């Protein structure tokens, strides 16, 4: 009772641990999926926040330019500016003060300027202050020296002047190299139009290095980075890998993945000016917490699984040992039972063969008796000479050799089973036919068997002969019961492949009536027979199946077709398990 209780408790523990592992794995999978989604959401939210922060900085630049544009638009007299050059000079004195004070109020912008339309002033005029070496410095732009050309098509370094006119709205341009300050800059500019006249542009510069510092500070993880694209997808701050740039969709916010030596995640969001900010980080860093959770569960899983396996092995050995012992005992009993059945069936066949031998010997013995009587008559009538004596001796020798062959075949059949080995299947067929020769001849049954080559099988030759004797007996009985015109048994043999192994296939066909389907599947069962109780025991085909399938690893089956019934036997040509 205590043993049963202990096993029951152990079973409950094993089941509980297994269920816990399954639930834990499912929970981890679900949790990991949710955490990954949450991480992607946070990456996107952080990138949007960074994009909003960068947008506010650019908006500050835009506000500075918009304010300057409004001041010039409100204070400048376009009519006087076109007719009186001195008015422009006078206006510029006040404009310089305004630009310098406005630039001093911000640390982000590098320069602030107003560039007049050359067609309006008949010359290249510009008021420009820039932060040089930490000081607000007036820049006297030398258009001629720097070859700044204000004619179409325009160069990159004057796009800030033409683009607002083309688009009809304020525009960001760059980055481009400004020769006047020897720096790479981005520029935001807005057209100044008064009473329908294009007076010029107001704009502000931010250095590319400043933009790079702003963008570089937006990486979310140690090995991550950020990059910036303009509204056309051209890089302002280029990514380290071009694959990241190809994933960006203008005007949208999303998270994508790509492989660059390792799995990378890129989150991107638009800025207020139409540019796109993207942050890139290794997936291993983004999912670091998730991976730690998975690793912790994996360790727990391995430990728990090890405990389950150890307990299961111990439990199975303790529990299955009595079952295994019982199974071995049953197998031994079944084996002994099969051996006994084979022995009994063999003894029955021996009796049948003794009847065949008796019939085979009656005629030869009668012939020998007649020869001896003839010799005595010849002796009594003094007609016995050497020639008569020699002819009689030759006849007796021929008859006795035939009788000796019958005894030899019977002795071969009686030999105890040897170990399995390769044997000639042709010889087994010839032996079985020899033992049935008299029975077949007496019933006018012809056997067609003409193998053109020698075929081999692996197993026990005597037991195979036993099987063939059974099958041939059944074939003879089927012909006698059906009474067909074609009283013939056909034996064919060839090689084939079965489950990747070479087999020798033997087919024994008789022209008897087909076997009903409901009987076909039962004929190999123990004690099942279609004959009367005094003619059949139901062991012949059962013993044949045991020998072929269990002892020789082959197959045996009966099929209807071709105007009769065929028994097909397949035996491996080489030894296996």
Protein backbone atom coordinates (compact mmCIF):
# COMPACT_ATOMS: atom_id res chain seq x y z
CA UNK A 1 0.00 0.00 0.00
CA UNK A 2 2.82 2.35 0.89
CA UNK A 3 4.52 1.60 -2.45
CA UNK A 4 1.33 2.39 -4.38
CA UNK A 5 0.89 5.65 -2.45
CA UNK A 6 4.48 6.67 -3.13
CA UNK A 7 4.07 5.97 -6.84
CA UNK A 8 0.82 7.93 -6.91
CA UNK A 9 2.45 10.91 -5.21
CA UNK A 10 5.42 10.72 -7.58
CA UNK A 11 3.08 10.57 -10.58
CA UNK A 12 1.20 13.65 -9.35
CA UNK A 13 4.51 15.51 -8.87
CA UNK A 14 5.70 14.62 -12.39
CA UNK A 15 2.41 15.66 -13.94
CA UNK A 16 2.39 18.91 -11.94
CA UNK A 17 5.95 19.75 -12.99
CA UNK A 18 5.18 18.95 -16.63
CA UNK A 19 2.02 21.07 -16.61
CA UNK A 20 3.92 23.89 -14.90
CA UNK A 21 6.59 23.78 -17.59
CA UNK A 22 4.01 23.85 -20.36
CA UNK A 23 2.11 26.76 -18.74
CA UNK A 24 5.38 28.56 -18.04
CA UNK A 25 6.56 28.15 -21.62
CA UNK A 26 3.24 29.38 -23.00
CA UNK A 27 3.25 32.31 -20.58
CA UNK A 28 6.84 33.19 -21.45
CA UNK A 29 6.06 33.04 -25.16
CA UNK A 30 3.04 35.28 -24.72
CA UNK A 31 4.85 37.63 -22.35
CA UNK A 32 7.87 37.86 -24.64
CA UNK A 33 5.63 38.70 -27.56
CA UNK A 34 3.87 41.41 -25.54
CA UNK A 35 7.18 42.77 -24.22
CA UNK A 36 8.60 42.88 -27.74
CA UNK A 37 5.53 44.78 -28.94
CA UNK A 38 5.84 47.12 -25.97
CA UNK A 39 9.55 47.65 -26.70
CA UNK A 40 8.77 48.52 -30.30
CA UNK A 41 6.06 50.92 -29.12
CA UNK A 42 8.50 52.57 -26.71
CA UNK A 43 11.16 52.84 -29.41
CA UNK A 44 8.68 54.52 -31.71
CA UNK A 45 7.43 56.80 -28.92
CA UNK A 46 11.00 57.78 -28.02
CA UNK A 47 11.84 58.48 -31.65
CA UNK A 48 8.68 60.60 -32.00
CA UNK A 49 9.66 62.48 -28.86
CA UNK A 50 13.15 63.05 -30.25
CA UNK A 51 11.64 64.15 -33.56
CA UNK A 52 9.36 66.61 -31.74
CA UNK A 53 12.35 67.96 -29.81
CA UNK A 54 14.35 68.41 -33.01
CA UNK A 55 11.30 69.96 -34.68
CA UNK A 56 11.03 72.50 -31.85
CA UNK A 57 14.66 73.49 -32.37
CA UNK A 58 14.11 73.89 -36.09
CA UNK A 59 10.85 75.70 -35.35
CA UNK A 60 12.85 78.12 -33.22
CA UNK A 61 15.04 78.86 -36.26
CA UNK A 62 11.93 79.19 -38.41
CA UNK A 63 10.36 81.58 -35.89
CA UNK A 64 13.50 83.70 -35.88
CA UNK A 65 13.35 84.00 -39.69
CA UNK A 66 9.60 84.58 -39.73
CA UNK A 67 10.01 87.43 -37.21
CA UNK A 68 12.81 88.99 -39.26
CA UNK A 69 10.73 88.65 -42.44
CA UNK A 70 7.77 90.38 -40.74
CA UNK A 71 9.99 93.22 -39.50
CA UNK A 72 11.46 93.88 -42.96
CA UNK A 73 8.07 93.57 -44.64
CA UNK A 74 6.54 96.09 -42.24
CA UNK A 75 9.39 98.63 -42.23
CA UNK A 76 10.83 98.54 -45.74
CA UNK A 77 9.47 100.93 -48.37
CA UNK A 78 9.79 99.04 -51.64
CA UNK A 79 9.17 102.11 -53.78
CA UNK A 80 11.96 104.08 -52.12
CA UNK A 81 14.24 101.09 -52.10
CA UNK A 82 13.95 100.71 -55.89
CA UNK A 83 14.41 104.44 -56.67
CA UNK A 84 16.81 105.57 -53.94
CA UNK A 85 19.97 103.56 -53.17
CA UNK A 86 20.65 105.69 -50.13
CA UNK A 87 17.37 104.53 -48.62
CA UNK A 88 18.59 100.96 -48.69
CA UNK A 89 21.84 101.89 -46.97
CA UNK A 90 19.96 103.82 -44.33
CA UNK A 91 17.52 100.95 -43.81
CA UNK A 92 20.38 98.47 -43.52
CA UNK A 93 21.89 100.36 -40.60
CA UNK A 94 18.74 99.69 -38.58
CA UNK A 95 18.50 96.18 -40.03
CA UNK A 96 21.99 95.30 -38.82
CA UNK A 97 21.06 96.17 -35.27
CA UNK A 98 17.89 94.09 -35.48
CA UNK A 99 19.72 91.04 -36.94
CA UNK A 100 22.55 91.24 -34.42
CA UNK A 101 20.19 91.48 -31.45
CA UNK A 102 18.03 88.64 -32.77
CA UNK A 103 21.05 86.38 -33.28
CA UNK A 104 22.35 87.18 -29.81
CA UNK A 105 19.09 85.90 -28.33
CA UNK A 106 19.69 82.31 -29.57
CA UNK A 107 22.55 79.85 -29.28
CA UNK A 108 21.26 77.44 -31.90
CA UNK A 109 21.49 79.57 -35.03
CA UNK A 110 24.91 80.18 -36.49
CA UNK A 111 23.93 83.06 -38.78
CA UNK A 112 21.00 85.35 -39.56
CA UNK A 113 20.74 87.27 -42.82
CA UNK A 114 18.70 89.26 -45.34
CA UNK A 115 19.75 88.93 -48.98
CA UNK A 116 18.25 91.50 -51.38
CA UNK A 117 17.04 90.66 -54.87
CA UNK A 118 19.79 91.88 -57.24
CA UNK A 119 17.12 92.87 -59.74
CA UNK A 120 15.52 95.08 -57.09
CA UNK A 121 18.66 96.87 -55.89
CA UNK A 122 20.70 96.56 -59.11
CA UNK A 123 23.54 95.05 -57.03
CA UNK A 124 24.27 92.21 -54.66
CA UNK A 125 23.29 93.48 -51.21
CA UNK A 126 23.21 91.36 -48.08
CA UNK A 127 23.06 92.00 -44.33
CA UNK A 128 24.51 88.99 -42.51
CA UNK A 129 25.66 88.32 -38.97
CA UNK A 130 27.22 85.02 -37.89
CA UNK A 131 28.61 83.54 -34.70
CA UNK A 132 32.36 83.30 -35.33
CA UNK A 133 34.65 82.06 -32.54
CA UNK A 134 31.90 82.75 -30.02
CA UNK A 135 31.37 86.35 -31.19
CA UNK A 136 28.48 87.84 -33.18
CA UNK A 137 30.33 89.08 -36.27
CA UNK A 138 29.14 91.00 -39.30
CA UNK A 139 29.93 89.09 -42.49
CA UNK A 140 30.74 91.19 -45.49
CA UNK A 141 29.85 88.68 -48.18
CA UNK A 142 32.00 88.93 -51.26
CA UNK A 143 29.80 87.52 -54.01
CA UNK A 144 32.37 88.09 -56.71
CA UNK A 145 35.25 86.53 -54.81
CA UNK A 146 33.16 83.52 -53.79
CA UNK A 147 31.63 83.26 -57.24
CA UNK A 148 28.12 83.27 -55.86
CA UNK A 149 26.01 83.40 -59.01
CA UNK A 150 22.40 84.62 -58.81
CA UNK A 151 21.42 83.45 -62.29
CA UNK A 152 19.54 80.36 -63.42
CA UNK A 153 20.18 77.52 -63.24
CA UNK A 154 21.34 78.19 -59.70
CA UNK A 155 24.10 76.47 -57.78
CA UNK A 156 23.69 74.61 -54.51
CA UNK A 157 25.13 77.43 -52.44
CA UNK A 158 22.41 79.86 -53.59
CA UNK A 159 19.49 77.43 -53.28
CA UNK A 160 18.49 79.31 -50.10
CA UNK A 161 17.73 82.32 -52.36
CA UNK A 162 15.81 80.59 -55.18
CA UNK A 163 14.00 77.72 -53.46
CA UNK A 164 11.49 79.87 -51.51
CA UNK A 165 10.55 81.52 -54.81
CA UNK A 166 10.11 78.16 -56.55
CA UNK A 167 8.05 76.53 -53.84
CA UNK A 168 6.16 79.67 -52.80
CA UNK A 169 6.81 78.77 -49.15
CA UNK A 170 9.66 78.89 -46.65
CA UNK A 171 12.26 76.19 -47.32
CA UNK A 172 15.13 74.35 -45.72
CA UNK A 173 18.15 73.80 -47.95
CA UNK A 174 21.49 72.12 -47.61
CA UNK A 175 23.70 70.99 -46.29
CA UNK A 176 26.07 72.96 -48.50
CA UNK A 177 29.50 74.50 -48.07
CA UNK A 178 29.46 78.28 -47.46
CA UNK A 179 32.70 79.80 -48.71
CA UNK A 180 32.20 83.07 -46.79
CA UNK A 181 32.42 81.35 -43.41
CA UNK A 182 34.16 78.15 -44.58
CA UNK A 183 31.53 75.91 -42.97
CA UNK A 184 28.97 73.34 -44.02
CA UNK A 185 25.54 74.67 -43.09
CA UNK A 186 21.80 74.11 -43.35
CA UNK A 187 19.73 77.16 -44.16
CA UNK A 188 16.11 78.09 -43.58
CA UNK A 189 14.92 81.00 -45.77
CA UNK A 190 11.69 82.85 -46.50
CA UNK A 191 10.88 85.16 -49.43
CA UNK A 192 10.23 88.85 -48.67
CA UNK A 193 7.49 90.16 -50.91
CA UNK A 194 6.11 93.71 -50.57
CA UNK A 195 3.16 94.83 -52.68
CA UNK A 196 3.77 91.93 -55.03
CA UNK A 197 7.43 92.75 -55.48
CA UNK A 198 10.14 90.19 -54.59
CA UNK A 199 12.53 92.20 -52.42
CA UNK A 200 14.75 89.33 -51.27
CA UNK A 201 14.94 86.56 -48.67
CA UNK A 202 15.43 86.44 -44.93
CA UNK A 203 17.11 83.36 -43.52
CA UNK A 204 19.08 81.69 -40.78
CA UNK A 205 21.93 79.16 -40.84
CA UNK A 206 22.63 76.23 -38.55
CA UNK A 207 25.92 74.42 -39.00
CA UNK A 208 25.98 70.81 -40.10
CA UNK A 209 28.17 69.99 -37.08
CA UNK A 210 25.53 71.44 -34.76
CA UNK A 211 22.84 69.38 -36.51
CA UNK A 212 25.07 66.31 -36.30
CA UNK A 213 25.56 66.87 -32.56
CA UNK A 214 21.80 67.22 -32.10
CA UNK A 215 21.05 64.05 -34.04
CA UNK A 216 23.91 62.04 -32.52
CA UNK A 217 22.67 62.81 -29.02
CA UNK A 218 19.36 61.12 -29.89
CA UNK A 219 20.62 57.52 -29.93
CA UNK A 220 18.70 55.36 -27.48
CA UNK A 221 21.31 52.67 -26.74
CA UNK A 222 25.13 52.65 -26.46
CA UNK A 223 25.65 51.04 -29.86
CA UNK A 224 22.73 52.81 -31.49
CA UNK A 225 22.77 55.86 -33.72
CA UNK A 226 20.41 58.29 -35.42
CA UNK A 227 20.25 59.84 -38.87
CA UNK A 228 18.28 62.56 -40.66
CA UNK A 229 16.74 62.61 -44.16
CA UNK A 230 15.18 65.51 -46.03
CA UNK A 231 11.66 65.46 -47.46
CA UNK A 232 12.94 63.69 -50.61
CA UNK A 233 14.73 60.95 -48.66
CA UNK A 234 18.20 62.36 -49.28
CA UNK A 235 20.55 62.04 -46.29
CA UNK A 236 21.29 65.16 -44.27
CA UNK A 237 22.96 63.09 -41.58
CA UNK A 238 23.66 59.81 -43.35
CA UNK A 239 23.04 56.39 -41.69
CA UNK A 240 25.87 53.92 -41.12
CA UNK A 241 24.08 51.33 -43.23
CA UNK A 242 22.15 52.16 -46.44
CA UNK A 243 19.59 49.43 -45.63
CA UNK A 244 18.22 51.58 -42.83
CA UNK A 245 17.65 54.50 -45.21
CA UNK A 246 15.75 52.32 -47.70
CA UNK A 247 13.17 51.36 -45.04
CA UNK A 248 12.05 54.93 -44.30
CA UNK A 249 8.65 55.98 -45.66
CA UNK A 250 8.23 59.74 -45.89
CA UNK A 251 5.56 61.26 -43.68
CA UNK A 252 5.05 58.09 -41.66
CA UNK A 253 6.11 56.81 -38.26
CA UNK A 254 6.94 53.16 -37.82
CA UNK A 255 9.45 50.53 -36.63
CA UNK A 256 11.21 48.16 -39.04
CA UNK A 257 13.97 45.59 -38.85
CA UNK A 258 16.96 44.81 -41.04
CA UNK A 259 20.14 42.76 -40.82
CA UNK A 260 23.55 44.38 -40.89
CA UNK A 261 25.82 41.75 -39.43
CA UNK A 262 23.25 41.47 -36.64
CA UNK A 263 19.55 42.18 -36.29
CA UNK A 264 18.91 45.94 -36.16
CA UNK A 265 15.75 47.91 -35.38
CA UNK A 266 15.04 51.28 -37.01
CA UNK A 267 12.30 53.56 -35.66
CA UNK A 268 11.45 56.72 -37.61
CA UNK A 269 9.10 59.68 -37.38
CA UNK A 270 8.56 62.89 -39.42
CA UNK A 271 9.65 66.37 -38.30
CA UNK A 272 7.44 69.40 -38.62
CA UNK A 273 9.38 70.55 -41.70
CA UNK A 274 8.86 67.25 -43.56
CA UNK A 275 12.26 65.79 -42.74
CA UNK A 276 12.54 62.30 -41.24
CA UNK A 277 14.41 61.42 -38.05
CA UNK A 278 15.36 57.77 -37.56
CA UNK A 279 17.00 55.97 -34.65
CA UNK A 280 18.78 52.65 -35.11
CA UNK A 281 19.77 50.22 -32.37
CA UNK A 282 20.80 46.55 -32.19
CA UNK A 283 17.88 44.31 -31.42
CA UNK A 284 19.98 42.55 -28.77
CA UNK A 285 20.20 45.82 -26.81
CA UNK A 286 16.54 46.72 -27.33
CA UNK A 287 15.45 43.23 -26.24
CA UNK A 288 18.09 42.85 -23.53
CA UNK A 289 15.56 42.59 -20.69
CA UNK A 290 13.45 40.13 -22.68
CA UNK A 291 16.50 37.97 -23.45
CA UNK A 292 17.43 37.94 -19.76
CA UNK A 293 13.92 36.78 -18.93
CA UNK A 294 14.14 34.04 -21.58
CA UNK A 295 17.55 32.92 -20.33
CA UNK A 296 16.31 32.77 -16.75
CA UNK A 297 13.34 30.68 -17.81
CA UNK A 298 15.58 28.47 -19.94
CA UNK A 299 17.78 27.73 -16.93
CA UNK A 300 14.70 26.95 -14.83
CA UNK A 301 13.33 24.84 -17.69
CA UNK A 302 16.54 22.82 -18.00
CA UNK A 303 16.77 22.25 -14.25
CA UNK A 304 13.11 21.26 -14.00
CA UNK A 305 13.31 19.04 -17.08
CA UNK A 306 16.39 17.32 -15.64
CA UNK A 307 14.54 16.67 -12.39
CA UNK A 308 11.54 15.33 -14.34
CA UNK A 309 13.75 13.02 -16.42
CA UNK A 310 15.58 11.71 -13.35
CA UNK A 311 12.33 11.11 -11.50
CA UNK A 312 10.69 9.64 -14.58
CA UNK A 313 13.60 7.23 -15.18
CA UNK A 314 13.61 6.18 -11.54
CA UNK A 315 9.84 5.87 -11.51
CA UNK A 316 9.66 3.99 -14.80
CA UNK A 317 12.34 1.51 -13.72
CA UNK A 318 10.71 0.91 -10.37
CA UNK A 319 7.24 0.65 -11.88
CA UNK A 320 8.04 -1.15 -15.11
CA UNK A 321 10.34 -3.81 -13.69
CA UNK A 322 7.47 -6.13 -12.61
CA UNK A 323 5.76 -5.50 -15.96
CA UNK A 324 8.95 -6.29 -17.88
CA UNK A 325 9.42 -9.48 -15.88
CA UNK A 326 5.82 -10.46 -16.58
CA UNK A 327 6.25 -9.60 -20.26
CA UNK A 328 9.43 -11.69 -20.52
CA UNK A 329 7.63 -14.56 -18.85
CA UNK A 330 4.71 -14.28 -21.31
CA UNK A 331 7.09 -14.04 -24.27
CA UNK A 332 8.90 -17.13 -23.05
CA UNK A 333 5.60 -18.99 -22.64
CA UNK A 334 4.45 -17.86 -26.10
CA UNK A 335 7.76 -18.91 -27.62
CA UNK A 336 7.54 -22.33 -26.01
CA UNK A 337 3.94 -22.55 -27.21
CA UNK A 338 5.00 -21.67 -30.77
CA UNK A 339 7.82 -24.22 -30.64
CA UNK A 340 5.38 -26.86 -29.48
CA UNK A 341 2.92 -25.98 -32.23
CA UNK A 342 5.66 -26.11 -34.86
CA UNK A 343 6.75 -29.48 -33.49
CA UNK A 344 3.20 -30.81 -33.51
CA UNK A 345 2.58 -29.55 -37.02
CA UNK A 346 5.86 -31.07 -38.13
CA UNK A 347 4.90 -34.41 -36.63
CA UNK A 348 1.55 -34.28 -38.45
CA UNK A 349 3.32 -33.57 -41.76
CA UNK A 350 5.72 -36.44 -41.10
CA UNK A 351 2.74 -38.80 -40.87
CA UNK A 352 1.37 -37.43 -44.12
CA UNK A 353 4.74 -37.81 -45.83
CA UNK A 354 5.05 -41.37 -44.54
CA UNK A 355 1.80 -42.08 -46.39
CA UNK A 356 3.29 -40.56 -49.53
CA UNK A 357 6.46 -42.64 -49.16
CA UNK A 358 4.36 -45.79 -48.64
CA UNK A 359 2.54 -45.13 -51.92
CA UNK A 360 5.81 -44.30 -53.67
CA UNK A 361 7.42 -47.55 -52.50
CA UNK A 362 4.52 -49.97 -53.28
CA UNK A 363 5.04 -49.98 -57.04
CA UNK A 364 8.85 -50.30 -56.93
CA UNK A 365 8.61 -53.19 -54.39
CA UNK A 366 6.06 -54.95 -56.64
CA UNK A 367 8.44 -54.50 -59.57
CA UNK A 368 11.35 -55.97 -57.59
CA UNK A 369 9.11 -58.90 -56.54
CA UNK A 370 8.18 -59.63 -60.16
CA UNK A 371 11.84 -59.46 -61.28
CA UNK A 372 12.84 -61.97 -58.58
CA UNK A 373 9.95 -64.34 -59.55
CA UNK A 374 11.05 -64.14 -63.20
CA UNK A 375 14.59 -65.03 -62.18
CA UNK A 376 13.33 -68.07 -60.20
CA UNK A 377 11.23 -69.24 -63.15
CA UNK A 378 14.20 -68.89 -65.48
CA UNK A 379 16.35 -70.87 -63.03
CA UNK A 380 13.73 -73.65 -62.70
CA UNK A 381 13.50 -74.00 -66.50
CA UNK A 382 17.30 -73.77 -66.96
CA UNK A 383 16.80 -70.51 -68.88
CA UNK A 384 18.87 -68.33 -66.51
CA UNK A 385 21.90 -66.98 -68.26
CA UNK A 386 24.32 -64.15 -67.58
CA UNK A 387 22.51 -61.67 -69.84
CA UNK A 388 19.17 -62.25 -68.07
CA UNK A 389 20.81 -61.96 -64.66
CA UNK A 390 22.60 -58.72 -65.61
CA UNK A 391 19.42 -57.11 -66.99
CA UNK A 392 17.50 -58.01 -63.83
CA UNK A 393 20.28 -56.58 -61.60
CA UNK A 394 20.29 -53.30 -63.56
CA UNK A 395 16.53 -52.93 -63.15
CA UNK A 396 16.69 -53.62 -59.43
CA UNK A 397 19.55 -51.09 -59.00
CA UNK A 398 17.58 -48.35 -60.81
CA UNK A 399 14.49 -48.99 -58.69
CA UNK A 400 16.43 -49.00 -55.40
CA UNK A 401 18.20 -45.72 -56.27
CA UNK A 402 14.82 -44.06 -56.74
CA UNK A 403 13.64 -45.45 -53.40
CA UNK A 404 16.88 -44.29 -51.73
CA UNK A 405 16.38 -40.75 -53.06
CA UNK A 406 12.93 -40.67 -51.44
CA UNK A 407 14.39 -41.72 -48.08
CA UNK A 408 17.20 -39.15 -48.42
CA UNK A 409 14.68 -36.34 -49.03
CA UNK A 410 12.60 -37.47 -46.05
CA UNK A 411 15.72 -37.61 -43.86
CA UNK A 412 16.65 -34.10 -44.97
CA UNK A 413 13.21 -32.89 -43.91
CA UNK A 414 13.59 -34.55 -40.51
CA UNK A 415 16.87 -32.81 -39.68
CA UNK A 416 16.55 -30.49 -36.64
CA UNK A 417 16.45 -26.73 -37.42
CA UNK A 418 19.90 -25.17 -37.62
CA UNK A 419 20.88 -21.52 -37.13
CA UNK A 420 19.69 -19.03 -39.72
CA UNK A 421 21.97 -18.66 -42.71
CA UNK A 422 21.84 -18.03 -46.44
CA UNK A 423 20.35 -21.01 -48.34
CA UNK A 424 19.25 -21.93 -51.86
CA UNK A 425 15.50 -21.48 -52.16
CA UNK A 426 15.46 -23.66 -55.31
CA UNK A 427 16.58 -26.68 -53.24
CA UNK A 428 13.81 -26.12 -50.68
CA UNK A 429 11.22 -26.08 -53.46
CA UNK A 430 12.69 -29.27 -54.99
CA UNK A 431 12.67 -31.01 -51.58
CA UNK A 432 9.02 -30.12 -50.89
CA UNK A 433 8.00 -31.28 -54.40
CA UNK A 434 9.93 -34.53 -53.98
CA UNK A 435 8.07 -35.35 -50.76
CA UNK A 436 4.75 -34.66 -52.51
CA UNK A 437 5.65 -36.37 -55.78
CA UNK A 438 3.45 -39.46 -55.33
CA UNK A 439 0.46 -37.45 -54.04
CA UNK A 440 0.62 -35.04 -56.99
CA UNK A 441 1.09 -37.85 -59.53
CA UNK A 442 -1.80 -39.88 -58.10
CA UNK A 443 -4.14 -36.87 -58.38
CA UNK A 444 -2.94 -35.92 -61.90
CA UNK A 445 -1.66 -32.49 -60.74
CA UNK A 446 1.18 -30.97 -62.73
CA UNK A 447 3.69 -28.52 -61.22
CA UNK A 448 5.29 -25.83 -63.40
CA UNK A 449 8.62 -24.71 -61.94
CA UNK A 450 11.57 -23.91 -64.12
CA UNK A 451 13.88 -21.42 -62.43
CA UNK A 452 16.62 -20.27 -64.80
CA UNK A 453 18.91 -19.18 -61.99
CA UNK A 454 19.62 -19.94 -58.35
CA UNK A 455 17.80 -17.77 -55.80
CA UNK A 456 18.87 -17.32 -52.21
CA UNK A 457 17.08 -16.45 -48.98
CA UNK A 458 18.19 -15.95 -45.39
CA UNK A 459 16.76 -18.13 -42.64
CA UNK A 460 16.34 -21.84 -41.98
CA UNK A 461 16.17 -24.11 -45.02
CA UNK A 462 14.33 -26.99 -43.25
CA UNK A 463 11.68 -24.69 -41.82
CA UNK A 464 11.28 -23.04 -45.23
CA UNK A 465 10.73 -26.52 -46.73
CA UNK A 466 8.10 -27.12 -44.04
CA UNK A 467 6.28 -23.90 -45.09
CA UNK A 468 6.44 -24.82 -48.78
CA UNK A 469 5.13 -28.32 -48.00
CA UNK A 470 2.16 -26.71 -46.18
CA UNK A 471 1.42 -24.30 -49.04
CA UNK A 472 1.70 -27.01 -51.72
CA UNK A 473 -0.60 -29.26 -49.69
CA UNK A 474 -3.19 -26.47 -49.49
CA UNK A 475 -2.80 -25.80 -53.22
CA UNK A 476 -3.36 -29.51 -53.97
CA UNK A 477 -6.46 -29.61 -51.70
CA UNK A 478 -7.86 -26.43 -53.31
CA UNK A 479 -7.56 -28.01 -56.78
CA UNK A 480 -9.16 -31.26 -55.62
CA UNK A 481 -12.08 -29.41 -53.98
CA UNK A 482 -12.68 -27.04 -56.93
CA UNK A 483 -12.10 -29.58 -59.73
CA UNK A 484 -10.83 -27.12 -62.36
CA UNK A 485 -9.92 -28.27 -65.85
CA UNK A 486 -6.42 -26.86 -65.39
CA UNK A 487 -5.07 -29.18 -62.64
CA UNK A 488 -1.79 -27.28 -62.42
CA UNK A 489 0.30 -25.54 -59.75
CA UNK A 490 2.60 -22.76 -61.00
CA UNK A 491 5.66 -21.68 -59.01
CA UNK A 492 7.51 -18.49 -59.94
CA UNK A 493 10.41 -16.83 -58.20
CA UNK A 494 12.25 -13.50 -58.57
CA UNK A 495 14.02 -10.80 -56.53
CA UNK A 496 12.53 -7.47 -55.39
CA UNK A 497 13.08 -4.54 -53.04
CA UNK A 498 10.98 -4.22 -49.90
CA UNK A 499 11.52 -1.33 -47.44
CA UNK A 500 15.00 -0.73 -48.83
CA UNK A 501 16.09 -4.40 -48.46
CA UNK A 502 16.63 -7.05 -51.15
CA UNK A 503 14.05 -9.83 -50.94
CA UNK A 504 13.40 -13.05 -52.82
CA UNK A 505 9.71 -13.31 -53.74
CA UNK A 506 8.12 -16.73 -54.25
CA UNK A 507 4.61 -17.10 -55.71
CA UNK A 508 2.71 -20.41 -55.60
CA UNK A 509 -0.47 -20.26 -57.72
CA UNK A 510 -3.29 -22.80 -57.93
CA UNK A 511 -6.38 -22.67 -60.16
CA UNK A 512 -8.80 -23.38 -57.31
CA UNK A 513 -11.82 -21.27 -56.41
CA UNK A 514 -11.13 -17.77 -55.00
CA UNK A 515 -11.20 -17.42 -51.21
CA UNK A 516 -14.07 -15.24 -49.85
CA UNK A 517 -12.83 -11.86 -48.56
CA UNK A 518 -14.17 -12.47 -45.04
CA UNK A 519 -12.04 -15.66 -44.84
CA UNK A 520 -8.95 -14.25 -46.55
CA UNK A 521 -7.95 -12.13 -43.54
CA UNK A 522 -8.46 -14.99 -41.05
CA UNK A 523 -6.70 -17.90 -42.74
CA UNK A 524 -3.42 -17.23 -40.93
CA UNK A 525 -5.14 -17.15 -37.50
CA UNK A 526 -4.50 -19.98 -35.07
CA UNK A 527 -6.98 -22.91 -35.31
CA UNK A 528 -8.93 -21.22 -38.13
CA UNK A 529 -9.70 -23.64 -40.99
CA UNK A 530 -12.21 -23.91 -43.81
CA UNK A 531 -11.92 -27.72 -43.84
CA UNK A 532 -13.84 -30.22 -41.77
CA UNK A 533 -12.51 -31.16 -38.33
CA UNK A 534 -11.14 -34.51 -39.56
CA UNK A 535 -9.28 -32.89 -42.47
CA UNK A 536 -7.78 -29.67 -41.02
CA UNK A 537 -6.39 -28.42 -37.70
CA UNK A 538 -6.10 -24.71 -38.53
CA UNK A 539 -2.37 -24.79 -37.72
CA UNK A 540 -0.75 -25.13 -41.15
CA UNK A 541 -0.95 -21.51 -42.30
CA UNK A 542 -0.55 -20.21 -38.73
CA UNK A 543 2.72 -22.13 -38.34
CA UNK A 544 3.81 -20.95 -41.79
CA UNK A 545 3.23 -17.32 -40.76
CA UNK A 546 5.21 -17.77 -37.53
CA UNK A 547 8.16 -19.29 -39.42
CA UNK A 548 8.22 -16.69 -42.23
CA UNK A 549 7.47 -13.56 -40.21
CA UNK A 550 8.96 -14.17 -36.78
CA UNK A 551 11.87 -16.46 -37.62
CA UNK A 552 12.84 -15.24 -41.08
CA UNK A 553 11.72 -11.57 -40.96
CA UNK A 554 9.69 -12.05 -44.14
CA UNK A 555 6.05 -11.71 -45.17
CA UNK A 556 3.42 -14.16 -46.36
CA UNK A 557 -0.01 -13.39 -47.78
CA UNK A 558 -2.80 -14.89 -49.91
CA UNK A 559 -4.43 -13.01 -52.78
CA UNK A 560 -7.20 -13.83 -55.28
CA UNK A 561 -6.59 -13.16 -58.94
CA UNK A 562 -5.68 -14.63 -62.29
CA UNK A 563 -8.40 -17.26 -62.10
CA UNK A 564 -7.22 -18.72 -58.82
CA UNK A 565 -5.36 -18.08 -55.57
CA UNK A 566 -1.72 -17.10 -55.08
CA UNK A 567 0.39 -17.42 -51.96
CA UNK A 568 3.17 -14.81 -52.04
CA UNK A 569 6.19 -15.21 -49.75
CA UNK A 570 8.93 -12.58 -49.45
CA UNK A 571 12.13 -13.46 -47.57
CA UNK A 572 15.21 -11.21 -47.13
CA UNK A 573 18.25 -12.33 -49.09
CA UNK A 574 20.58 -11.20 -46.29
CA UNK A 575 20.47 -11.44 -42.51
CA UNK A 576 19.07 -8.57 -40.46
CA UNK A 577 17.67 -8.16 -36.97
